[in-house]
Amino acid sequence: MPKVDLDLVKVILQRHELDVRQVARILEEINQEVAAMVDEDKPPPVKKQYVILVSDPRGHLDGKDFTGWVVQIPEEAGVAGTEERLLKAAGDFNTSPKGRRLPVKSVAEICEHVPARFLKEQEVWVRTKEPVYVLATANKLPKLVGQAKGNRDDE
């Protein structure tokens, strides 16, 4: 179906001597239909999960300073392939004209300089272009005084 400019439709409607209010209603209805068609064409958004490229399950990082980048990948994708996705995006970028002039050589450069379109093709979204500090945690709460079972002050 060919696309028609709304200004052309407006001119034709006015040429047939329709009321200005009626022309406005018709154009508004056309705009609503076009907006509905655009909404139908969009695929549903991809559900994503956050990933940071540094982990400390055994507490080896305690007392050490590390930095990392926060990225997102699709929810159903495995996190082990996150770095591979970044490297593929870097390879695609390095083969582009700009990438041949200024190729990226590290994960930091990938996160900072590779345009989003290369990353989106590999389904990875960089959320922090600058590295952020990673804080190691034991993932436990200490026992708090007065919070033990059966030791309530209001009884």
Foldseek 3Di string as FASTA:
>chain_A
DDDDDLVVVLVVVVVVVDDPVVSVVVSVVVVVVVVVVVVVPDDDDFAKDKDWPDDDQPPPCPPHKDWTWIKIAGPPDDPVCQVVLLVQLLVVQCVDPVNVVPRDDDSLCSLQPRDVVSSVVSRMGTPDSHIDIDDDDNPDDDDDPQPDPPRHPVD
